[in-house]
PDB file of N, CA and C in Angstrom:
ATOM      1  N   MET A   1       0.832  -1.144   0.081  1.00  0.00           N
ATOM      2  CA  MET A   1       0.104   0.045   0.003  1.00  0.00           C
ATOM      3  C   MET A   1       0.840   1.362   0.100  1.00  0.00           C
ATOM      4  N   ASP A   2       0.670   2.130  -0.897  1.00  0.00           N
ATOM      5  CA  ASP A   2       1.482   3.373  -1.036  1.00  0.00           C
ATOM      6  C   ASP A   2       0.984   4.354   0.070  1.00  0.00           C
ATOM      7  N   LYS A   3       1.693   5.254   0.162  1.00  0.00           N
ATOM      8  CA  LYS A   3       1.762   6.269   1.424  1.00  0.00           C
ATOM      9  C   LYS A   3       0.399   6.923   1.159  1.00  0.00           C
ATOM     10  N   ASP A   4      -0.145   7.494  -0.047  1.00  0.00           N
ATOM     11  CA  ASP A   4      -1.310   8.265  -0.081  1.00  0.00           C
ATOM     12  C   ASP A   4      -2.482   7.323   0.247  1.00  0.00           C
ATOM     13  N   ASN A   5      -2.538   6.156  -0.111  1.00  0.00           N
ATOM     14  CA  ASN A   5      -3.654   5.283   0.229  1.00  0.00           C
ATOM     15  C   ASN A   5      -3.697   4.951   1.726  1.00  0.00           C
ATOM     16  N   GLU A   6      -2.427   4.886   2.372  1.00  0.00           N
ATOM     17  CA  GLU A   6      -2.366   4.649   3.951  1.00  0.00           C
ATOM     18  C   GLU A   6      -3.151   5.816   4.501  1.00  0.00           C
ATOM     19  N   CYS A   7      -2.782   7.024   3.936  1.00  0.00           N
ATOM     20  CA  CYS A   7      -3.438   8.069   4.533  1.00  0.00           C
ATOM     21  C   CYS A   7      -4.687   8.313   4.514  1.00  0.00           C
ATOM     22  N   VAL A   8      -5.353   7.810   3.493  1.00  0.00           N
ATOM     23  CA  VAL A   8      -7.000   7.604   3.383  1.00  0.00           C
ATOM     24  C   VAL A   8      -7.489   6.708   4.362  1.00  0.00           C
ATOM     25  N   CYS A   9      -6.796   5.327   4.257  1.00  0.00           N
ATOM     26  CA  CYS A   9      -7.340   4.274   5.161  1.00  0.00           C
ATOM     27  C   CYS A   9      -7.385   4.557   6.443  1.00  0.00           C
ATOM     28  N   ASN A  10      -6.374   5.281   6.996  1.00  0.00           N
ATOM     29  CA  ASN A  10      -6.234   5.605   8.600  1.00  0.00           C
ATOM     30  C   ASN A  10      -7.058   6.706   8.939  1.00  0.00           C
ATOM     31  N   LEU A  11      -7.686   7.323   7.973  1.00  0.00           N
ATOM     32  CA  LEU A  11      -7.938   8.892   8.565  1.00  0.00           C
ATOM     33  C   LEU A  11      -9.181   8.672   9.543  1.00  0.00           C
ATOM     34  N   MET A  12     -10.172   7.845   9.288  1.00  0.00           N
ATOM     35  CA  MET A  12     -11.404   7.887  10.235  1.00  0.00           C
ATOM     36  C   MET A  12     -11.085   7.916  11.731  1.00  0.00           C
ATOM     37  N   PRO A  13     -10.249   6.936  12.032  1.00  0.00           N
ATOM     38  CA  PRO A  13      -9.896   6.802  13.339  1.00  0.00           C
ATOM     39  C   PRO A  13      -9.293   8.155  14.004  1.00  0.00           C
ATOM     40  N   GLU A  14      -8.459   8.629  13.241  1.00  0.00           N
ATOM     41  CA  GLU A  14      -7.948  10.029  13.585  1.00  0.00           C
ATOM     42  C   GLU A  14      -8.568  10.883  13.644  1.00  0.00           C
ATOM     43  N   VAL A  15      -9.810  11.207  12.567  1.00  0.00           N
ATOM     44  CA  VAL A  15     -10.598  12.124  12.841  1.00  0.00           C
ATOM     45  C   VAL A  15     -11.583  12.057  13.892  1.00  0.00           C
ATOM     46  N   LEU A  16     -11.985  10.754  14.237  1.00  0.00           N
ATOM     47  CA  LEU A  16     -12.883  10.588  15.435  1.00  0.00           C
ATOM     48  C   LEU A  16     -12.078  10.977  16.850  1.00  0.00           C
ATOM     49  N   GLU A  17     -10.692  10.729  16.958  1.00  0.00           N
ATOM     50  CA  GLU A  17     -10.081  10.953  18.123  1.00  0.00           C
ATOM     51  C   GLU A  17      -9.811  12.595  18.105  1.00  0.00           C
ATOM     52  N   PHE A  18      -9.709  13.130  17.104  1.00  0.00           N
ATOM     53  CA  PHE A  18      -9.483  14.726  17.101  1.00  0.00           C
ATOM     54  C   PHE A  18     -10.710  15.373  17.452  1.00  0.00           C
ATOM     55  N   ILE A  19     -11.919  14.769  16.865  1.00  0.00           N
ATOM     56  CA  ILE A  19     -13.448  15.437  17.216  1.00  0.00           C
ATOM     57  C   ILE A  19     -13.463  15.166  18.738  1.00  0.00           C
ATOM     58  N   GLU A  20     -13.125  14.141  19.313  1.00  0.00           N
ATOM     59  CA  GLU A  20     -13.375  13.720  21.042  1.00  0.00           C
ATOM     60  C   GLU A  20     -12.102  14.798  21.557  1.00  0.00           C
ATOM     61  N   GLU A  21     -11.158  14.766  21.114  1.00  0.00           N
ATOM     62  CA  GLU A  21      -9.859  15.693  21.748  1.00  0.00           C
ATOM     63  C   GLU A  21     -10.423  17.079  21.911  1.00  0.00           C
ATOM     64  N   PHE A  22     -10.925  17.611  20.859  1.00  0.00           N
ATOM     65  CA  PHE A  22     -11.366  19.067  20.918  1.00  0.00           C
ATOM     66  C   PHE A  22     -12.819  19.350  21.129  1.00  0.00           C
ATOM     67  N   GLY A  23     -13.632  18.167  21.559  1.00  0.00           N
ATOM     68  CA  GLY A  23     -14.944  18.460  21.809  1.00  0.00           C
ATOM     69  C   GLY A  23     -15.989  18.965  20.777  1.00  0.00           C
ATOM     70  N   LEU A  24     -15.541  18.855  19.430  1.00  0.00           N
ATOM     71  CA  LEU A  24     -16.281  19.219  18.267  1.00  0.00           C
ATOM     72  C   LEU A  24     -17.452  18.284  17.913  1.00  0.00           C
ATOM     73  N   ASP A  25     -18.455  19.018  17.196  1.00  0.00           N
ATOM     74  CA  ASP A  25     -19.408  18.255  16.652  1.00  0.00           C
ATOM     75  C   ASP A  25     -19.015  17.782  15.244  1.00  0.00           C
ATOM     76  N   GLU A  26     -19.262  16.669  14.652  1.00  0.00           N
ATOM     77  CA  GLU A  26     -18.802  16.096  13.484  1.00  0.00           C
ATOM     78  C   GLU A  26     -18.895  17.318  12.267  1.00  0.00           C
ATOM     79  N   THR A  27     -20.007  17.825  12.181  1.00  0.00           N
ATOM     80  CA  THR A  27     -20.357  18.996  11.073  1.00  0.00           C
ATOM     81  C   THR A  27     -19.526  20.277  11.396  1.00  0.00           C
ATOM     82  N   ILE A  28     -19.103  20.639  12.523  1.00  0.00           N
ATOM     83  CA  ILE A  28     -18.208  21.706  13.002  1.00  0.00           C
ATOM     84  C   ILE A  28     -16.965  21.512  12.420  1.00  0.00           C
ATOM     85  N   PHE A  29     -16.629  20.142  12.512  1.00  0.00           N
ATOM     86  CA  PHE A  29     -15.209  19.624  12.303  1.00  0.00           C
ATOM     87  C   PHE A  29     -15.226  19.669  10.753  1.00  0.00           C
ATOM     88  N   GLY A  30     -16.199  19.538   9.957  1.00  0.00           N
ATOM     89  CA  GLY A  30     -16.037  19.466   8.571  1.00  0.00           C
ATOM     90  C   GLY A  30     -16.131  20.859   8.046  1.00  0.00           C
ATOM     91  N   TYR A  31     -16.756  21.827   8.771  1.00  0.00           N
ATOM     92  CA  TYR A  31     -16.776  23.072   8.311  1.00  0.00           C
ATOM     93  C   TYR A  31     -15.310  23.646   8.542  1.00  0.00           C
ATOM     94  N   ARG A  32     -14.830  23.561   9.552  1.00  0.00           N
ATOM     95  CA  ARG A  32     -13.576  24.043   9.977  1.00  0.00           C
ATOM     96  C   ARG A  32     -12.260  23.575   9.137  1.00  0.00           C
ATOM     97  N   ALA A  33     -12.545  22.280   8.830  1.00  0.00           N
ATOM     98  CA  ALA A  33     -11.441  21.532   8.367  1.00  0.00           C
ATOM     99  C   ALA A  33     -11.239  21.955   6.696  1.00  0.00           C
ATOM    100  N   ILE A  34     -12.572  21.651   6.160  1.00  0.00           N
ATOM    101  CA  ILE A  34     -12.603  21.799   4.629  1.00  0.00           C
ATOM    102  C   ILE A  34     -13.934  22.658   4.247  1.00  0.00           C
ATOM    103  N   ASP A  35     -14.635  23.209   5.006  1.00  0.00           N
ATOM    104  CA  ASP A  35     -15.867  23.929   4.644  1.00  0.00           C
ATOM    105  C   ASP A  35     -16.706  22.933   3.968  1.00  0.00           C
ATOM    106  N   ASP A  36     -17.150  21.912   4.724  1.00  0.00           N
ATOM    107  CA  ASP A  36     -18.005  20.829   4.174  1.00  0.00           C
ATOM    108  C   ASP A  36     -18.593  20.070   5.376  1.00  0.00           C
ATOM    109  N   TRP A  37     -19.721  20.353   5.630  1.00  0.00           N
ATOM    110  CA  TRP A  37     -20.204  19.744   7.151  1.00  0.00           C
ATOM    111  C   TRP A  37     -20.409  18.210   6.972  1.00  0.00           C
ATOM    112  N   ARG A  38     -20.575  17.688   5.732  1.00  0.00           N
ATOM    113  CA  ARG A  38     -20.884  16.350   5.450  1.00  0.00           C
ATOM    114  C   ARG A  38     -19.497  15.479   5.310  1.00  0.00           C
ATOM    115  N   VAL A  39     -18.407  15.964   5.603  1.00  0.00           N
ATOM    116  CA  VAL A  39     -17.209  15.187   5.236  1.00  0.00           C
ATOM    117  C   VAL A  39     -16.966  14.116   6.035  1.00  0.00           C
ATOM    118  N   VAL A  40     -17.453  14.021   7.293  1.00  0.00           N
ATOM    119  CA  VAL A  40     -17.199  12.882   8.380  1.00  0.00           C
ATOM    120  C   VAL A  40     -18.135  11.934   7.828  1.00  0.00           C
ATOM    121  N   ASP A  41     -19.293  12.109   7.431  1.00  0.00           N
ATOM    122  CA  ASP A  41     -20.220  10.995   6.884  1.00  0.00           C
ATOM    123  C   ASP A  41     -19.764  10.551   5.707  1.00  0.00           C
ATOM    124  N   ARG A  42     -19.246  11.331   4.735  1.00  0.00           N
ATOM    125  CA  ARG A  42     -18.594  10.758   3.389  1.00  0.00           C
ATOM    126  C   ARG A  42     -17.409   9.833   3.605  1.00  0.00           C
ATOM    127  N   LEU A  43     -16.778  10.419   4.901  1.00  0.00           N
ATOM    128  CA  LEU A  43     -15.530   9.525   5.089  1.00  0.00           C
ATOM    129  C   LEU A  43     -15.906   8.098   5.628  1.00  0.00           C
ATOM    130  N   ARG A  44     -16.877   8.248   6.342  1.00  0.00           N
ATOM    131  CA  ARG A  44     -17.355   6.998   7.101  1.00  0.00           C
ATOM    132  C   ARG A  44     -18.143   6.102   5.817  1.00  0.00           C
ATOM    133  N   LYS A  45     -18.536   6.515   4.939  1.00  0.00           N
ATOM    134  CA  LYS A  45     -19.564   5.849   3.810  1.00  0.00           C
ATOM    135  C   LYS A  45     -18.663   5.541   2.665  1.00  0.00           C
ATOM    136  N   ASP A  46     -18.351   6.369   2.094  1.00  0.00           N
ATOM    137  CA  ASP A  46     -17.579   6.176   0.688  1.00  0.00           C
ATOM    138  C   ASP A  46     -16.134   6.398   0.764  1.00  0.00           C
ATOM    139  N   GLY A  47     -15.663   7.126   1.714  1.00  0.00           N
ATOM    140  CA  GLY A  47     -14.175   7.623   1.566  1.00  0.00           C
ATOM    141  C   GLY A  47     -14.201   8.954   0.974  1.00  0.00           C
ATOM    142  N   VAL A  48     -13.164   9.552   0.923  1.00  0.00           N
ATOM    143  CA  VAL A  48     -12.773  10.795   0.190  1.00  0.00           C
ATOM    144  C   VAL A  48     -11.507  10.608  -0.573  1.00  0.00           C
ATOM    145  N   THR A  49     -11.352  11.704  -1.324  1.00  0.00           N
ATOM    146  CA  THR A  49     -10.314  11.723  -2.349  1.00  0.00           C
ATOM    147  C   THR A  49      -8.788  12.073  -1.464  1.00  0.00           C
ATOM    148  N   ILE A  50      -7.805  11.547  -2.203  1.00  0.00           N
ATOM    149  CA  ILE A  50      -6.541  11.883  -1.402  1.00  0.00           C
ATOM    150  C   ILE A  50      -6.266  13.245  -0.988  1.00  0.00           C
ATOM    151  N   ARG A  51      -6.651  14.390  -2.109  1.00  0.00           N
ATOM    152  CA  ARG A  51      -6.505  15.647  -1.851  1.00  0.00           C
ATOM    153  C   ARG A  51      -7.202  16.107  -0.524  1.00  0.00           C
ATOM    154  N   VAL A  52      -8.523  15.648  -0.361  1.00  0.00           N
ATOM    155  CA  VAL A  52      -9.273  16.011   0.604  1.00  0.00           C
ATOM    156  C   VAL A  52      -8.710  15.511   1.854  1.00  0.00           C
ATOM    157  N   ALA A  53      -8.318  14.223   1.847  1.00  0.00           N
ATOM    158  CA  ALA A  53      -7.432  13.574   2.983  1.00  0.00           C
ATOM    159  C   ALA A  53      -6.321  14.158   3.563  1.00  0.00           C
ATOM    160  N   LYS A  54      -5.661  14.935   2.420  1.00  0.00           N
ATOM    161  CA  LYS A  54      -4.342  15.749   2.942  1.00  0.00           C
ATOM    162  C   LYS A  54      -4.885  17.137   3.525  1.00  0.00           C
ATOM    163  N   LYS A  55      -5.971  17.569   3.032  1.00  0.00           N
ATOM    164  CA  LYS A  55      -6.427  18.828   3.733  1.00  0.00           C
ATOM    165  C   LYS A  55      -6.856  18.804   5.123  1.00  0.00           C
ATOM    166  N   ILE A  56      -7.550  17.518   5.488  1.00  0.00           N
ATOM    167  CA  ILE A  56      -8.015  17.168   6.826  1.00  0.00           C
ATOM    168  C   ILE A  56      -6.829  17.108   7.757  1.00  0.00           C
ATOM    169  N   LYS A  57      -5.742  16.229   7.114  1.00  0.00           N
ATOM    170  CA  LYS A  57      -4.713  15.777   7.833  1.00  0.00           C
ATOM    171  C   LYS A  57      -3.887  17.216   8.475  1.00  0.00           C
ATOM    172  N   ARG A  58      -3.875  18.113   7.303  1.00  0.00           N
ATOM    173  CA  ARG A  58      -3.203  19.401   7.519  1.00  0.00           C
ATOM    174  C   ARG A  58      -3.888  20.123   8.632  1.00  0.00           C
ATOM    175  N   PHE A  59      -5.207  20.352   8.337  1.00  0.00           N
ATOM    176  CA  PHE A  59      -6.086  20.981   9.427  1.00  0.00           C
ATOM    177  C   PHE A  59      -5.792  20.499  10.833  1.00  0.00           C
ATOM    178  N   MET A  60      -6.046  19.029  10.978  1.00  0.00           N
ATOM    179  CA  MET A  60      -5.831  18.382  12.400  1.00  0.00           C
ATOM    180  C   MET A  60      -4.290  18.881  12.953  1.00  0.00           C
ATOM    181  N   LYS A  61      -3.125  18.739  12.051  1.00  0.00           N
ATOM    182  CA  LYS A  61      -1.902  18.983  12.616  1.00  0.00           C
ATOM    183  C   LYS A  61      -1.762  20.331  12.988  1.00  0.00           C
ATOM    184  N   GLU A  62      -2.387  21.440  12.155  1.00  0.00           N
ATOM    185  CA  GLU A  62      -2.092  22.981  12.525  1.00  0.00           C
ATOM    186  C   GLU A  62      -3.077  23.157  13.867  1.00  0.00           C
ATOM    187  N   ALA A  63      -4.370  22.543  14.001  1.00  0.00           N
ATOM    188  CA  ALA A  63      -4.981  22.802  15.207  1.00  0.00           C
ATOM    189  C   ALA A  63      -4.222  22.121  16.386  1.00  0.00           C
ATOM    190  N   ARG A  64      -3.664  21.031  16.433  1.00  0.00           N
ATOM    191  CA  ARG A  64      -2.890  20.494  17.558  1.00  0.00           C
ATOM    192  C   ARG A  64      -2.004  21.497  17.752  1.00  0.00           C
ATOM    193  N   GLU A  65      -1.043  22.399  16.798  1.00  0.00           N
ATOM    194  CA  GLU A  65       0.042  23.089  16.980  1.00  0.00           C
ATOM    195  C   GLU A  65      -0.478  24.164  17.700  1.00  0.00           C
ATOM    196  N   ASN A  66      -1.638  24.705  17.373  1.00  0.00           N
ATOM    197  CA  ASN A  66      -2.326  26.168  18.051  1.00  0.00           C
ATOM    198  C   ASN A  66      -3.571  25.494  18.477  1.00  0.00           C
ATOM    199  N   PRO A  67      -4.065  24.933  19.433  1.00  0.00           N
ATOM    200  CA  PRO A  67      -5.117  24.517  20.086  1.00  0.00           C
ATOM    201  C   PRO A  67      -6.036  25.653  20.293  1.00  0.00           C
ATOM    202  N   GLU A  68      -5.762  26.891  20.583  1.00  0.00           N
ATOM    203  CA  GLU A  68      -6.455  27.948  20.962  1.00  0.00           C
ATOM    204  C   GLU A  68      -7.222  28.344  19.531  1.00  0.00           C
ATOM    205  N   SER A  69      -6.837  27.958  18.565  1.00  0.00           N
ATOM    206  CA  SER A  69      -7.486  28.415  17.193  1.00  0.00           C
ATOM    207  C   SER A  69      -8.913  27.590  17.146  1.00  0.00           C
ATOM    208  N   GLN A  70      -8.968  26.446  17.888  1.00  0.00           N
ATOM    209  CA  GLN A  70     -10.099  25.555  17.590  1.00  0.00           C
ATOM    210  C   GLN A  70     -11.171  25.817  18.758  1.00  0.00           C
ATOM    211  N   ARG A  71     -11.110  26.706  19.586  1.00  0.00           N
ATOM    212  CA  ARG A  71     -12.062  26.933  20.480  1.00  0.00           C
ATOM    213  C   ARG A  71     -13.265  27.534  19.795  1.00  0.00           C
ATOM    214  N   PRO A  72     -14.419  26.935  20.312  1.00  0.00           N
ATOM    215  CA  PRO A  72     -15.853  27.335  19.729  1.00  0.00           C
ATOM    216  C   PRO A  72     -16.034  28.703  19.650  1.00  0.00           C
ATOM    217  N   ALA A  73     -16.330  29.315  18.664  1.00  0.00           N
ATOM    218  CA  ALA A  73     -16.717  30.730  18.458  1.00  0.00           C
ATOM    219  C   ALA A  73     -18.002  31.127  19.153  1.00  0.00           C
ATOM    220  N   ARG A  74     -17.936  32.328  20.001  1.00  0.00           N
ATOM    221  CA  ARG A  74     -19.159  32.665  20.540  1.00  0.00           C
ATOM    222  C   ARG A  74     -20.062  33.863  20.013  1.00  0.00           C
ATOM    223  N   LYS A  75     -20.236  33.587  18.772  1.00  0.00           N
ATOM    224  CA  LYS A  75     -21.047  34.494  17.853  1.00  0.00           C
ATOM    225  C   LYS A  75     -22.538  34.131  18.010  1.00  0.00           C
ATOM    226  N   LYS A  76     -23.316  35.334  17.720  1.00  0.00           N
ATOM    227  CA  LYS A  76     -24.816  35.104  17.530  1.00  0.00           C
ATOM    228  C   LYS A  76     -24.852  34.438  16.120  1.00  0.00           C
ATOM    229  N   PRO A  77     -25.894  33.947  15.857  1.00  0.00           N
ATOM    230  CA  PRO A  77     -26.226  33.595  14.588  1.00  0.00           C
ATOM    231  C   PRO A  77     -26.369  34.893  13.569  1.00  0.00           C
ATOM    232  N   ALA A  78     -26.054  34.667  12.244  1.00  0.00           N
ATOM    233  CA  ALA A  78     -25.946  35.777  11.358  1.00  0.00           C
ATOM    234  C   ALA A  78     -27.341  36.464  11.318  1.00  0.00           C
ATOM    235  N   ARG A  79     -28.519  35.750  11.486  1.00  0.00           N
ATOM    236  CA  ARG A  79     -29.755  36.429  11.382  1.00  0.00           C
ATOM    237  C   ARG A  79     -30.178  37.362  12.545  1.00  0.00           C
ATOM    238  N   LEU A  80     -29.530  36.907  13.845  1.00  0.00           N
ATOM    239  CA  LEU A  80     -29.572  37.904  14.905  1.00  0.00           C
ATOM    240  C   LEU A  80     -28.790  38.858  14.845  1.00  0.00           C
ATOM    241  N   ARG A  81     -27.616  38.883  14.245  1.00  0.00           N
ATOM    242  CA  ARG A  81     -26.579  39.918  14.375  1.00  0.00           C
ATOM    243  C   ARG A  81     -27.284  40.758  13.115  1.00  0.00           C
ATOM    244  N   ALA A  82     -27.846  40.475  12.225  1.00  0.00           N
ATOM    245  CA  ALA A  82     -28.463  41.448  11.253  1.00  0.00           C
ATOM    246  C   ALA A  82     -29.734  42.213  11.818  1.00  0.00           C
ATOM    247  N   ARG A  83     -30.229  41.512  12.685  1.00  0.00           N
ATOM    248  CA  ARG A  83     -31.397  42.319  13.524  1.00  0.00           C
ATOM    249  C   ARG A  83     -30.980  43.334  14.434  1.00  0.00           C
ATOM    250  N   ALA A  84     -29.848  43.120  15.032  1.00  0.00           N
ATOM    251  CA  ALA A  84     -29.087  44.066  16.153  1.00  0.00           C
ATOM    252  C   ALA A  84     -28.569  45.154  15.245  1.00  0.00           C
ATOM    253  N   ALA A  85     -28.187  45.057  14.058  1.00  0.00           N
ATOM    254  CA  ALA A  85     -27.640  46.099  13.206  1.00  0.00           C
ATOM    255  C   ALA A  85     -28.588  47.076  12.598  1.00  0.00           C
ATOM    256  N   ALA A  86     -29.814  46.481  12.425  1.00  0.00           N
ATOM    257  CA  ALA A  86     -30.970  47.273  11.880  1.00  0.00           C
ATOM    258  C   ALA A  86     -31.183  48.267  12.709  1.00  0.00           C
ATOM    259  N   PRO A  87     -31.576  49.438  12.004  1.00  0.00           N
ATOM    260  CA  PRO A  87     -32.185  50.749  12.674  1.00  0.00           C
ATOM    261  C   PRO A  87     -33.258  50.469  13.628  1.00  0.00           C
TER     262      PRO A  87
END
């Protein structure tokens, strides 16, 4: 098995460990990693491309190097921010 295929095959356990470590929901992980809330589900069912797997691994590596960047944002939803900004 070459290095790229190994990257994709071993990714799901790594992702689940990361999600638990950072206390993220699977959809939030997907948004933050590659701007796709369904990526964990796709990884579980069909797998992902090598390119997507590399992006996910890079995201997890960078997040572990700077854990403060992964704290949940405390923002109001956009619709509530828009109402507050209206005159």
